Amino acid sequence: MASTHLQGLGYALLARNVRTRYGEIDLIALDERALVFVEVKTRRARAPAGAIPPEQEPLPWLRPRQRARVRRLAAAWLCEQPRKRPRVETIRFDAIGVIVDDRDRLLRLDHVQSAW
């Protein structure tokens, strides 16, 4: 769902679920000027009418420690893939929060560009 969303916005999807020696990067995409590393958080709404309690919202779970881990993963990927990386003006970190129902139907998708 997150990759389809990005492609709908005109991003070129370069990779998904990329393994580095430090862990996994959810999505790597290219927009007009930036190489974008995307962290995706998904939550399932179990309450009636797709309601989700505020403490279970997906994006607040991206705490400083998680953000630092994604930066390390991006640096590792850039070092490990010097030939695959495109030439861009900048690097950006986006976050996508996805909420689905018990049948995996999309209820809400929040995309924060330059999340950190």
PDB file of N, CA and C in Angstrom:
ATOM      1  N   MET A   1       0.816  -1.190   0.000  1.00  0.00           N
ATOM      2  CA  MET A   1       0.000   0.000   0.000  1.00  0.00           C
ATOM      3  C   MET A   1       0.864   1.259   0.000  1.00  0.00           C
ATOM      4  N   ALA A   2       1.912   1.242   0.792  1.00  0.00           N
ATOM      5  CA  ALA A   2       2.790   2.416   0.861  1.00  0.00           C
ATOM      6  C   ALA A   2       3.517   2.620  -0.464  1.00  0.00           C
ATOM      7  N   SER A   3       4.005   1.553  -1.070  1.00  0.00           N
ATOM      8  CA  SER A   3       4.719   1.709  -2.344  1.00  0.00           C
ATOM      9  C   SER A   3       3.768   2.166  -3.453  1.00  0.00           C
ATOM     10  N   THR A   4       2.544   1.671  -3.450  1.00  0.00           N
ATOM     11  CA  THR A   4       1.543   2.114  -4.431  1.00  0.00           C
ATOM     12  C   THR A   4       1.248   3.601  -4.240  1.00  0.00           C
ATOM     13  N   HIS A   5       1.152   4.024  -3.007  1.00  0.00           N
ATOM     14  CA  HIS A   5       0.933   5.440  -2.696  1.00  0.00           C
ATOM     15  C   HIS A   5       2.063   6.295  -3.263  1.00  0.00           C
ATOM     16  N   LEU A   6       3.303   5.888  -3.008  1.00  0.00           N
ATOM     17  CA  LEU A   6       4.450   6.657  -3.498  1.00  0.00           C
ATOM     18  C   LEU A   6       4.478   6.712  -5.016  1.00  0.00           C
ATOM     19  N   GLN A   7       4.219   5.597  -5.659  1.00  0.00           N
ATOM     20  CA  GLN A   7       4.205   5.575  -7.116  1.00  0.00           C
ATOM     21  C   GLN A   7       3.101   6.477  -7.665  1.00  0.00           C
ATOM     22  N   GLY A   8       1.967   6.521  -6.975  1.00  0.00           N
ATOM     23  CA  GLY A   8       0.889   7.416  -7.378  1.00  0.00           C
ATOM     24  C   GLY A   8       1.271   8.883  -7.292  1.00  0.00           C
ATOM     25  N   LEU A   9       2.210   9.199  -6.416  1.00  0.00           N
ATOM     26  CA  LEU A   9       2.708  10.568  -6.281  1.00  0.00           C
ATOM     27  C   LEU A   9       3.837  10.870  -7.270  1.00  0.00           C
ATOM     28  N   GLY A  10       4.217   9.882  -8.071  1.00  0.00           N
ATOM     29  CA  GLY A  10       5.261  10.092  -9.062  1.00  0.00           C
ATOM     30  C   GLY A  10       6.652   9.675  -8.636  1.00  0.00           C
ATOM     31  N   TYR A  11       6.782   9.042  -7.489  1.00  0.00           N
ATOM     32  CA  TYR A  11       8.082   8.547  -7.051  1.00  0.00           C
ATOM     33  C   TYR A  11       8.451   7.317  -7.875  1.00  0.00           C
ATOM     34  N   ALA A  12       9.724   7.136  -8.105  1.00  0.00           N
ATOM     35  CA  ALA A  12      10.219   5.907  -8.721  1.00  0.00           C
ATOM     36  C   ALA A  12      10.671   5.000  -7.578  1.00  0.00           C
ATOM     37  N   LEU A  13      10.074   3.851  -7.469  1.00  0.00           N
ATOM     38  CA  LEU A  13      10.431   2.909  -6.411  1.00  0.00           C
ATOM     39  C   LEU A  13      11.701   2.177  -6.819  1.00  0.00           C
ATOM     40  N   LEU A  14      12.755   2.327  -6.024  1.00  0.00           N
ATOM     41  CA  LEU A  14      14.035   1.692  -6.326  1.00  0.00           C
ATOM     42  C   LEU A  14      14.163   0.326  -5.676  1.00  0.00           C
ATOM     43  N   ALA A  15      13.647   0.195  -4.450  1.00  0.00           N
ATOM     44  CA  ALA A  15      13.786  -1.081  -3.736  1.00  0.00           C
ATOM     45  C   ALA A  15      12.798  -1.128  -2.585  1.00  0.00           C
ATOM     46  N   ARG A  16      12.475  -2.355  -2.183  1.00  0.00           N
ATOM     47  CA  ARG A  16      11.626  -2.554  -1.008  1.00  0.00           C
ATOM     48  C   ARG A  16      12.197  -3.682  -0.176  1.00  0.00           C
ATOM     49  N   ASN A  17      12.038  -3.563   1.134  1.00  0.00           N
ATOM     50  CA  ASN A  17      12.536  -4.560   2.082  1.00  0.00           C
ATOM     51  C   ASN A  17      14.005  -4.889   1.828  1.00  0.00           C
ATOM     52  N   VAL A  18      14.824  -3.862   1.817  1.00  0.00           N
ATOM     53  CA  VAL A  18      16.254  -3.994   1.524  1.00  0.00           C
ATOM     54  C   VAL A  18      17.001  -4.383   2.787  1.00  0.00           C
ATOM     55  N   ARG A  19      17.739  -5.477   2.712  1.00  0.00           N
ATOM     56  CA  ARG A  19      18.536  -5.941   3.848  1.00  0.00           C
ATOM     57  C   ARG A  19      19.929  -5.328   3.777  1.00  0.00           C
ATOM     58  N   THR A  20      20.367  -4.782   4.906  1.00  0.00           N
ATOM     59  CA  THR A  20      21.758  -4.365   5.062  1.00  0.00           C
ATOM     60  C   THR A  20      22.307  -5.169   6.234  1.00  0.00           C
ATOM     61  N   ARG A  21      23.565  -4.993   6.525  1.00  0.00           N
ATOM     62  CA  ARG A  21      24.137  -5.746   7.646  1.00  0.00           C
ATOM     63  C   ARG A  21      23.579  -5.289   8.993  1.00  0.00           C
ATOM     64  N   TYR A  22      22.886  -4.152   9.013  1.00  0.00           N
ATOM     65  CA  TYR A  22      22.325  -3.617  10.258  1.00  0.00           C
ATOM     66  C   TYR A  22      20.818  -3.816  10.400  1.00  0.00           C
ATOM     67  N   GLY A  23      20.160  -4.279   9.356  1.00  0.00           N
ATOM     68  CA  GLY A  23      18.717  -4.445   9.415  1.00  0.00           C
ATOM     69  C   GLY A  23      18.079  -4.213   8.063  1.00  0.00           C
ATOM     70  N   GLU A  24      16.800  -3.873   8.083  1.00  0.00           N
ATOM     71  CA  GLU A  24      16.032  -3.762   6.844  1.00  0.00           C
ATOM     72  C   GLU A  24      15.456  -2.363   6.654  1.00  0.00           C
ATOM     73  N   ILE A  25      15.562  -1.865   5.428  1.00  0.00           N
ATOM     74  CA  ILE A  25      14.955  -0.602   5.034  1.00  0.00           C
ATOM     75  C   ILE A  25      13.652  -0.955   4.320  1.00  0.00           C
ATOM     76  N   ASP A  26      12.548  -0.328   4.738  1.00  0.00           N
ATOM     77  CA  ASP A  26      11.255  -0.677   4.156  1.00  0.00           C
ATOM     78  C   ASP A  26      11.177  -0.316   2.676  1.00  0.00           C
ATOM     79  N   LEU A  27      11.405   0.935   2.331  1.00  0.00           N
ATOM     80  CA  LEU A  27      11.318   1.375   0.934  1.00  0.00           C
ATOM     81  C   LEU A  27      12.422   2.379   0.632  1.00  0.00           C
ATOM     82  N   ILE A  28      12.934   2.306  -0.591  1.00  0.00           N
ATOM     83  CA  ILE A  28      13.855   3.318  -1.097  1.00  0.00           C
ATOM     84  C   ILE A  28      13.256   3.802  -2.399  1.00  0.00           C
ATOM     85  N   ALA A  29      13.074   5.116  -2.486  1.00  0.00           N
ATOM     86  CA  ALA A  29      12.421   5.685  -3.664  1.00  0.00           C
ATOM     87  C   ALA A  29      13.173   6.922  -4.119  1.00  0.00           C
ATOM     88  N   LEU A  30      12.803   7.382  -5.285  1.00  0.00           N
ATOM     89  CA  LEU A  30      13.419   8.564  -5.870  1.00  0.00           C
ATOM     90  C   LEU A  30      12.302   9.509  -6.281  1.00  0.00           C
ATOM     91  N   ASP A  31      12.332  10.723  -5.753  1.00  0.00           N
ATOM     92  CA  ASP A  31      11.393  11.719  -6.261  1.00  0.00           C
ATOM     93  C   ASP A  31      12.184  12.635  -7.186  1.00  0.00           C
ATOM     94  N   GLU A  32      11.688  13.796  -7.491  1.00  0.00           N
ATOM     95  CA  GLU A  32      12.350  14.655  -8.473  1.00  0.00           C
ATOM     96  C   GLU A  32      13.776  15.030  -8.100  1.00  0.00           C
ATOM     97  N   ARG A  33      14.026  15.273  -6.806  1.00  0.00           N
ATOM     98  CA  ARG A  33      15.337  15.765  -6.408  1.00  0.00           C
ATOM     99  C   ARG A  33      15.999  14.989  -5.297  1.00  0.00           C
ATOM    100  N   ALA A  34      15.304  14.017  -4.705  1.00  0.00           N
ATOM    101  CA  ALA A  34      15.833  13.378  -3.494  1.00  0.00           C
ATOM    102  C   ALA A  34      15.779  11.858  -3.577  1.00  0.00           C
ATOM    103  N   LEU A  35      16.756  11.251  -2.945  1.00  0.00           N
ATOM    104  CA  LEU A  35      16.723   9.825  -2.672  1.00  0.00           C
ATOM    105  C   LEU A  35      16.013   9.698  -1.334  1.00  0.00           C
ATOM    106  N   VAL A  36      14.916   8.944  -1.305  1.00  0.00           N
ATOM    107  CA  VAL A  36      14.045   8.918  -0.141  1.00  0.00           C
ATOM    108  C   VAL A  36      14.073   7.538   0.521  1.00  0.00           C
ATOM    109  N   PHE A  37      14.440   7.521   1.786  1.00  0.00           N
ATOM    110  CA  PHE A  37      14.379   6.305   2.588  1.00  0.00           C
ATOM    111  C   PHE A  37      13.094   6.393   3.395  1.00  0.00           C
ATOM    112  N   VAL A  38      12.247   5.369   3.276  1.00  0.00           N
ATOM    113  CA  VAL A  38      10.912   5.427   3.855  1.00  0.00           C
ATOM    114  C   VAL A  38      10.749   4.335   4.905  1.00  0.00           C
ATOM    115  N   GLU A  39      10.335   4.754   6.088  1.00  0.00           N
ATOM    116  CA  GLU A  39       9.988   3.818   7.155  1.00  0.00           C
ATOM    117  C   GLU A  39       8.469   3.711   7.178  1.00  0.00           C
ATOM    118  N   VAL A  40       7.959   2.480   7.125  1.00  0.00           N
ATOM    119  CA  VAL A  40       6.516   2.235   7.090  1.00  0.00           C
ATOM    120  C   VAL A  40       6.106   1.552   8.393  1.00  0.00           C
ATOM    121  N   LYS A  41       5.097   2.103   9.025  1.00  0.00           N
ATOM    122  CA  LYS A  41       4.530   1.502  10.234  1.00  0.00           C
ATOM    123  C   LYS A  41       3.069   1.188   9.953  1.00  0.00           C
ATOM    124  N   THR A  42       2.667  -0.044  10.232  1.00  0.00           N
ATOM    125  CA  THR A  42       1.298  -0.479   9.978  1.00  0.00           C
ATOM    126  C   THR A  42       0.655  -0.913  11.277  1.00  0.00           C
ATOM    127  N   ARG A  43      -0.602  -0.541  11.437  1.00  0.00           N
ATOM    128  CA  ARG A  43      -1.393  -0.962  12.583  1.00  0.00           C
ATOM    129  C   ARG A  43      -2.731  -1.489  12.083  1.00  0.00           C
ATOM    130  N   ARG A  44      -3.249  -2.442  12.812  1.00  0.00           N
ATOM    131  CA  ARG A  44      -4.549  -3.028  12.491  1.00  0.00           C
ATOM    132  C   ARG A  44      -5.587  -2.450  13.453  1.00  0.00           C
ATOM    133  N   ALA A  45      -6.670  -1.913  12.896  1.00  0.00           N
ATOM    134  CA  ALA A  45      -7.765  -1.377  13.708  1.00  0.00           C
ATOM    135  C   ALA A  45      -8.684  -2.529  14.067  1.00  0.00           C
ATOM    136  N   ARG A  46      -8.817  -2.796  15.336  1.00  0.00           N
ATOM    137  CA  ARG A  46      -9.655  -3.909  15.792  1.00  0.00           C
ATOM    138  C   ARG A  46     -10.996  -3.426  16.338  1.00  0.00           C
ATOM    139  N   ALA A  47     -11.096  -2.160  16.590  1.00  0.00           N
ATOM    140  CA  ALA A  47     -12.328  -1.612  17.167  1.00  0.00           C
ATOM    141  C   ALA A  47     -13.391  -1.447  16.073  1.00  0.00           C
ATOM    142  N   PRO A  48     -14.638  -1.338  16.464  1.00  0.00           N
ATOM    143  CA  PRO A  48     -15.709  -1.118  15.487  1.00  0.00           C
ATOM    144  C   PRO A  48     -15.474   0.152  14.675  1.00  0.00           C
ATOM    145  N   ALA A  49     -15.907   0.113  13.448  1.00  0.00           N
ATOM    146  CA  ALA A  49     -15.823   1.253  12.518  1.00  0.00           C
ATOM    147  C   ALA A  49     -14.384   1.687  12.248  1.00  0.00           C
ATOM    148  N   GLY A  50     -13.414   0.816  12.488  1.00  0.00           N
ATOM    149  CA  GLY A  50     -12.030   1.114  12.148  1.00  0.00           C
ATOM    150  C   GLY A  50     -11.346   2.097  13.067  1.00  0.00           C
ATOM    151  N   ALA A  51     -11.926   2.331  14.231  1.00  0.00           N
ATOM    152  CA  ALA A  51     -11.305   3.267  15.175  1.00  0.00           C
ATOM    153  C   ALA A  51     -10.032   2.651  15.743  1.00  0.00           C
ATOM    154  N   ILE A  52      -9.062   3.503  15.981  1.00  0.00           N
ATOM    155  CA  ILE A  52      -7.814   3.040  16.579  1.00  0.00           C
ATOM    156  C   ILE A  52      -7.472   3.998  17.720  1.00  0.00           C
ATOM    157  N   PRO A  53      -7.170   3.471  18.901  1.00  0.00           N
ATOM    158  CA  PRO A  53      -6.846   4.350  20.034  1.00  0.00           C
ATOM    159  C   PRO A  53      -5.613   5.198  19.731  1.00  0.00           C
ATOM    160  N   PRO A  54      -5.577   6.411  20.258  1.00  0.00           N
ATOM    161  CA  PRO A  54      -4.435   7.303  19.988  1.00  0.00           C
ATOM    162  C   PRO A  54      -3.080   6.684  20.330  1.00  0.00           C
ATOM    163  N   GLU A  55      -3.020   5.870  21.368  1.00  0.00           N
ATOM    164  CA  GLU A  55      -1.731   5.267  21.754  1.00  0.00           C
ATOM    165  C   GLU A  55      -1.268   4.194  20.770  1.00  0.00           C
ATOM    166  N   GLN A  56      -2.139   3.795  19.839  1.00  0.00           N
ATOM    167  CA  GLN A  56      -1.748   2.804  18.839  1.00  0.00           C
ATOM    168  C   GLN A  56      -1.559   3.398  17.449  1.00  0.00           C
ATOM    169  N   GLU A  57      -1.634   4.711  17.332  1.00  0.00           N
ATOM    170  CA  GLU A  57      -1.373   5.365  16.045  1.00  0.00           C
ATOM    171  C   GLU A  57       0.022   4.956  15.579  1.00  0.00           C
ATOM    172  N   PRO A  58       0.209   4.677  14.295  1.00  0.00           N
ATOM    173  CA  PRO A  58       1.504   4.149  13.832  1.00  0.00           C
ATOM    174  C   PRO A  58       2.676   5.126  13.881  1.00  0.00           C
ATOM    175  N   LEU A  59       2.501   6.363  13.474  1.00  0.00           N
ATOM    176  CA  LEU A  59       3.653   7.260  13.341  1.00  0.00           C
ATOM    177  C   LEU A  59       4.300   7.683  14.654  1.00  0.00           C
ATOM    178  N   PRO A  60       3.570   7.863  15.748  1.00  0.00           N
ATOM    179  CA  PRO A  60       4.262   8.195  16.996  1.00  0.00           C
ATOM    180  C   PRO A  60       5.248   7.113  17.457  1.00  0.00           C
ATOM    181  N   TRP A  61       5.143   5.919  16.912  1.00  0.00           N
ATOM    182  CA  TRP A  61       6.071   4.847  17.281  1.00  0.00           C
ATOM    183  C   TRP A  61       7.454   5.051  16.685  1.00  0.00           C
ATOM    184  N   LEU A  62       7.603   6.032  15.802  1.00  0.00           N
ATOM    185  CA  LEU A  62       8.916   6.337  15.238  1.00  0.00           C
ATOM    186  C   LEU A  62       9.654   7.278  16.186  1.00  0.00           C
ATOM    187  N   ARG A  63      10.203   6.712  17.184  1.00  0.00           N
ATOM    188  CA  ARG A  63      10.901   7.465  18.227  1.00  0.00           C
ATOM    189  C   ARG A  63      12.346   7.728  17.789  1.00  0.00           C
ATOM    190  N   PRO A  64      13.078   8.566  18.520  1.00  0.00           N
ATOM    191  CA  PRO A  64      14.453   8.917  18.138  1.00  0.00           C
ATOM    192  C   PRO A  64      15.356   7.701  17.898  1.00  0.00           C
ATOM    193  N   ARG A  65      15.222   6.685  18.708  1.00  0.00           N
ATOM    194  CA  ARG A  65      16.073   5.498  18.526  1.00  0.00           C
ATOM    195  C   ARG A  65      15.799   4.820  17.188  1.00  0.00           C
ATOM    196  N   GLN A  66      14.527   4.713  16.818  1.00  0.00           N
ATOM    197  CA  GLN A  66      14.154   4.116  15.538  1.00  0.00           C
ATOM    198  C   GLN A  66      14.644   4.979  14.378  1.00  0.00           C
ATOM    199  N   ARG A  67      14.535   6.275  14.524  1.00  0.00           N
ATOM    200  CA  ARG A  67      14.997   7.187  13.469  1.00  0.00           C
ATOM    201  C   ARG A  67      16.505   7.070  13.272  1.00  0.00           C
ATOM    202  N   ALA A  68      17.241   6.975  14.355  1.00  0.00           N
ATOM    203  CA  ALA A  68      18.693   6.809  14.261  1.00  0.00           C
ATOM    204  C   ALA A  68      19.040   5.491  13.570  1.00  0.00           C
ATOM    205  N   ARG A  69      18.271   4.450  13.856  1.00  0.00           N
ATOM    206  CA  ARG A  69      18.497   3.155  13.204  1.00  0.00           C
ATOM    207  C   ARG A  69      18.280   3.265  11.691  1.00  0.00           C
ATOM    208  N   VAL A  70      17.237   3.975  11.270  1.00  0.00           N
ATOM    209  CA  VAL A  70      16.975   4.138   9.838  1.00  0.00           C
ATOM    210  C   VAL A  70      18.095   4.939   9.178  1.00  0.00           C
ATOM    211  N   ARG A  71      18.621   5.950   9.869  1.00  0.00           N
ATOM    212  CA  ARG A  71      19.756   6.700   9.316  1.00  0.00           C
ATOM    213  C   ARG A  71      20.981   5.795   9.142  1.00  0.00           C
ATOM    214  N   ARG A  72      21.238   4.930  10.128  1.00  0.00           N
ATOM    215  CA  ARG A  72      22.365   3.984  10.012  1.00  0.00           C
ATOM    216  C   ARG A  72      22.150   3.023   8.841  1.00  0.00           C
ATOM    217  N   LEU A  73      20.926   2.549   8.689  1.00  0.00           N
ATOM    218  CA  LEU A  73      20.615   1.642   7.576  1.00  0.00           C
ATOM    219  C   LEU A  73      20.831   2.337   6.241  1.00  0.00           C
ATOM    220  N   ALA A  74      20.397   3.586   6.134  1.00  0.00           N
ATOM    221  CA  ALA A  74      20.578   4.340   4.894  1.00  0.00           C
ATOM    222  C   ALA A  74      22.065   4.528   4.590  1.00  0.00           C
ATOM    223  N   ALA A  75      22.847   4.879   5.603  1.00  0.00           N
ATOM    224  CA  ALA A  75      24.291   5.054   5.403  1.00  0.00           C
ATOM    225  C   ALA A  75      24.936   3.750   4.964  1.00  0.00           C
ATOM    226  N   ALA A  76      24.525   2.640   5.566  1.00  0.00           N
ATOM    227  CA  ALA A  76      25.074   1.335   5.176  1.00  0.00           C
ATOM    228  C   ALA A  76      24.713   1.017   3.735  1.00  0.00           C
ATOM    229  N   TRP A  77      23.469   1.267   3.339  1.00  0.00           N
ATOM    230  CA  TRP A  77      23.051   0.992   1.965  1.00  0.00           C
ATOM    231  C   TRP A  77      23.844   1.842   0.978  1.00  0.00           C
ATOM    232  N   LEU A  78      24.025   3.124   1.295  1.00  0.00           N
ATOM    233  CA  LEU A  78      24.777   4.012   0.412  1.00  0.00           C
ATOM    234  C   LEU A  78      26.216   3.537   0.244  1.00  0.00           C
ATOM    235  N   CYS A  79      26.829   3.029   1.321  1.00  0.00           N
ATOM    236  CA  CYS A  79      28.205   2.526   1.242  1.00  0.00           C
ATOM    237  C   CYS A  79      28.288   1.193   0.504  1.00  0.00           C
ATOM    238  N   GLU A  80      27.271   0.347   0.699  1.00  0.00           N
ATOM    239  CA  GLU A  80      27.288  -0.988   0.094  1.00  0.00           C
ATOM    240  C   GLU A  80      26.885  -0.975  -1.379  1.00  0.00           C
ATOM    241  N   GLN A  81      26.181   0.060  -1.814  1.00  0.00           N
ATOM    242  CA  GLN A  81      25.642   0.094  -3.175  1.00  0.00           C
ATOM    243  C   GLN A  81      26.107   1.329  -3.952  1.00  0.00           C
ATOM    244  N   PRO A  82      27.406   1.580  -4.056  1.00  0.00           N
ATOM    245  CA  PRO A  82      27.831   2.824  -4.708  1.00  0.00           C
ATOM    246  C   PRO A  82      27.420   2.911  -6.182  1.00  0.00           C
ATOM    247  N   ARG A  83      27.284   1.794  -6.843  1.00  0.00           N
ATOM    248  CA  ARG A  83      26.914   1.828  -8.263  1.00  0.00           C
ATOM    249  C   ARG A  83      25.413   1.933  -8.477  1.00  0.00           C
ATOM    250  N   LYS A  84      24.624   1.476  -7.519  1.00  0.00           N
ATOM    251  CA  LYS A  84      23.172   1.486  -7.667  1.00  0.00           C
ATOM    252  C   LYS A  84      22.529   2.802  -7.268  1.00  0.00           C
ATOM    253  N   ARG A  85      23.237   3.603  -6.502  1.00  0.00           N
ATOM    254  CA  ARG A  85      22.595   4.815  -6.006  1.00  0.00           C
ATOM    255  C   ARG A  85      22.593   5.898  -7.081  1.00  0.00           C
ATOM    256  N   PRO A  86      21.458   6.541  -7.254  1.00  0.00           N
ATOM    257  CA  PRO A  86      21.356   7.605  -8.259  1.00  0.00           C
ATOM    258  C   PRO A  86      21.984   8.898  -7.759  1.00  0.00           C
ATOM    259  N   ARG A  87      22.337   9.747  -8.678  1.00  0.00           N
ATOM    260  CA  ARG A  87      22.863  11.060  -8.316  1.00  0.00           C
ATOM    261  C   ARG A  87      21.669  11.986  -8.073  1.00  0.00           C
ATOM    262  N   VAL A  88      21.628  12.524  -6.872  1.00  0.00           N
ATOM    263  CA  VAL A  88      20.511  13.386  -6.480  1.00  0.00           C
ATOM    264  C   VAL A  88      21.045  14.588  -5.707  1.00  0.00           C
ATOM    265  N   GLU A  89      20.176  15.569  -5.531  1.00  0.00           N
ATOM    266  CA  GLU A  89      20.555  16.763  -4.779  1.00  0.00           C
ATOM    267  C   GLU A  89      20.617  16.511  -3.283  1.00  0.00           C
ATOM    268  N   THR A  90      19.746  15.633  -2.794  1.00  0.00           N
ATOM    269  CA  THR A  90      19.643  15.451  -1.352  1.00  0.00           C
ATOM    270  C   THR A  90      19.112  14.066  -1.005  1.00  0.00           C
ATOM    271  N   ILE A  91      19.219  13.750   0.259  1.00  0.00           N
ATOM    272  CA  ILE A  91      18.643  12.516   0.811  1.00  0.00           C
ATOM    273  C   ILE A  91      17.569  12.943   1.806  1.00  0.00           C
ATOM    274  N   ARG A  92      16.480  12.193   1.820  1.00  0.00           N
ATOM    275  CA  ARG A  92      15.371  12.543   2.696  1.00  0.00           C
ATOM    276  C   ARG A  92      14.845  11.291   3.388  1.00  0.00           C
ATOM    277  N   PHE A  93      14.291  11.481   4.581  1.00  0.00           N
ATOM    278  CA  PHE A  93      13.680  10.390   5.327  1.00  0.00           C
ATOM    279  C   PHE A  93      12.192  10.690   5.487  1.00  0.00           C
ATOM    280  N   ASP A  94      11.355   9.825   4.925  1.00  0.00           N
ATOM    281  CA  ASP A  94       9.908   9.956   5.031  1.00  0.00           C
ATOM    282  C   ASP A  94       9.369   8.854   5.933  1.00  0.00           C
ATOM    283  N   ALA A  95       8.177   9.083   6.449  1.00  0.00           N
ATOM    284  CA  ALA A  95       7.490   8.073   7.256  1.00  0.00           C
ATOM    285  C   ALA A  95       6.081   7.908   6.704  1.00  0.00           C
ATOM    286  N   ILE A  96       5.635   6.669   6.651  1.00  0.00           N
ATOM    287  CA  ILE A  96       4.270   6.373   6.219  1.00  0.00           C
ATOM    288  C   ILE A  96       3.617   5.516   7.289  1.00  0.00           C
ATOM    289  N   GLY A  97       2.475   5.986   7.760  1.00  0.00           N
ATOM    290  CA  GLY A  97       1.674   5.237   8.717  1.00  0.00           C
ATOM    291  C   GLY A  97       0.457   4.673   8.007  1.00  0.00           C
ATOM    292  N   VAL A  98       0.238   3.378   8.144  1.00  0.00           N
ATOM    293  CA  VAL A  98      -0.866   2.697   7.472  1.00  0.00           C
ATOM    294  C   VAL A  98      -1.760   2.057   8.531  1.00  0.00           C
ATOM    295  N   ILE A  99      -3.057   2.270   8.397  1.00  0.00           N
ATOM    296  CA  ILE A  99      -4.024   1.605   9.269  1.00  0.00           C
ATOM    297  C   ILE A  99      -4.942   0.781   8.385  1.00  0.00           C
ATOM    298  N   VAL A 100      -5.030  -0.523   8.710  1.00  0.00           N
ATOM    299  CA  VAL A 100      -5.881  -1.443   7.954  1.00  0.00           C
ATOM    300  C   VAL A 100      -6.898  -2.075   8.889  1.00  0.00           C
ATOM    301  N   ASP A 101      -7.972  -2.607   8.303  1.00  0.00           N
ATOM    302  CA  ASP A 101      -8.965  -3.301   9.128  1.00  0.00           C
ATOM    303  C   ASP A 101      -8.586  -4.773   9.243  1.00  0.00           C
ATOM    304  N   ASP A 102      -9.450  -5.564   9.838  1.00  0.00           N
ATOM    305  CA  ASP A 102      -9.137  -6.972  10.069  1.00  0.00           C
ATOM    306  C   ASP A 102      -9.092  -7.799   8.787  1.00  0.00           C
ATOM    307  N   ARG A 103      -9.507  -7.209   7.663  1.00  0.00           N
ATOM    308  CA  ARG A 103      -9.422  -7.892   6.359  1.00  0.00           C
ATOM    309  C   ARG A 103      -8.334  -7.286   5.475  1.00  0.00           C
ATOM    310  N   ASP A 104      -7.430  -6.541   6.092  1.00  0.00           N
ATOM    311  CA  ASP A 104      -6.321  -5.872   5.411  1.00  0.00           C
ATOM    312  C   ASP A 104      -6.765  -4.840   4.386  1.00  0.00           C
ATOM    313  N   ARG A 105      -7.924  -4.255   4.592  1.00  0.00           N
ATOM    314  CA  ARG A 105      -8.381  -3.157   3.737  1.00  0.00           C
ATOM    315  C   ARG A 105      -7.869  -1.851   4.323  1.00  0.00           C
ATOM    316  N   LEU A 106      -7.404  -0.987   3.452  1.00  0.00           N
ATOM    317  CA  LEU A 106      -6.848   0.290   3.877  1.00  0.00           C
ATOM    318  C   LEU A 106      -7.932   1.183   4.477  1.00  0.00           C
ATOM    319  N   LEU A 107      -7.678   1.642   5.694  1.00  0.00           N
ATOM    320  CA  LEU A 107      -8.565   2.613   6.337  1.00  0.00           C
ATOM    321  C   LEU A 107      -7.975   4.017   6.263  1.00  0.00           C
ATOM    322  N   ARG A 108      -6.654   4.105   6.461  1.00  0.00           N
ATOM    323  CA  ARG A 108      -5.998   5.409   6.446  1.00  0.00           C
ATOM    324  C   ARG A 108      -4.526   5.243   6.136  1.00  0.00           C
ATOM    325  N   LEU A 109      -3.986   6.195   5.405  1.00  0.00           N
ATOM    326  CA  LEU A 109      -2.558   6.221   5.109  1.00  0.00           C
ATOM    327  C   LEU A 109      -2.084   7.654   5.316  1.00  0.00           C
ATOM    328  N   ASP A 110      -1.106   7.829   6.192  1.00  0.00           N
ATOM    329  CA  ASP A 110      -0.519   9.144   6.465  1.00  0.00           C
ATOM    330  C   ASP A 110       0.919   9.138   5.982  1.00  0.00           C
ATOM    331  N   HIS A 111       1.282  10.116   5.164  1.00  0.00           N
ATOM    332  CA  HIS A 111       2.629  10.211   4.617  1.00  0.00           C
ATOM    333  C   HIS A 111       3.240  11.542   5.085  1.00  0.00           C
ATOM    334  N   VAL A 112       4.352  11.434   5.794  1.00  0.00           N
ATOM    335  CA  VAL A 112       5.057  12.615   6.272  1.00  0.00           C
ATOM    336  C   VAL A 112       6.386  12.717   5.530  1.00  0.00           C
ATOM    337  N   GLN A 113       6.494  13.719   4.676  1.00  0.00           N
ATOM    338  CA  GLN A 113       7.758  13.954   3.982  1.00  0.00           C
ATOM    339  C   GLN A 113       8.720  14.654   4.931  1.00  0.00           C
ATOM    340  N   SER A 114       9.997  14.333   4.776  1.00  0.00           N
ATOM    341  CA  SER A 114      11.039  14.915   5.649  1.00  0.00           C
ATOM    342  C   SER A 114      10.648  14.760   7.111  1.00  0.00           C
ATOM    343  N   ALA A 115      10.296  13.545   7.479  1.00  0.00           N
ATOM    344  CA  ALA A 115       9.836  13.274   8.841  1.00  0.00           C
ATOM    345  C   ALA A 115      10.914  13.526   9.877  1.00  0.00           C
ATOM    346  N   TRP A 116      12.166  13.401   9.475  1.00  0.00           N
ATOM    347  CA  TRP A 116      13.294  13.721  10.352  1.00  0.00           C
ATOM    348  C   TRP A 116      14.517  13.965   9.536  1.00  0.00           C
TER     349      TRP A 116
END
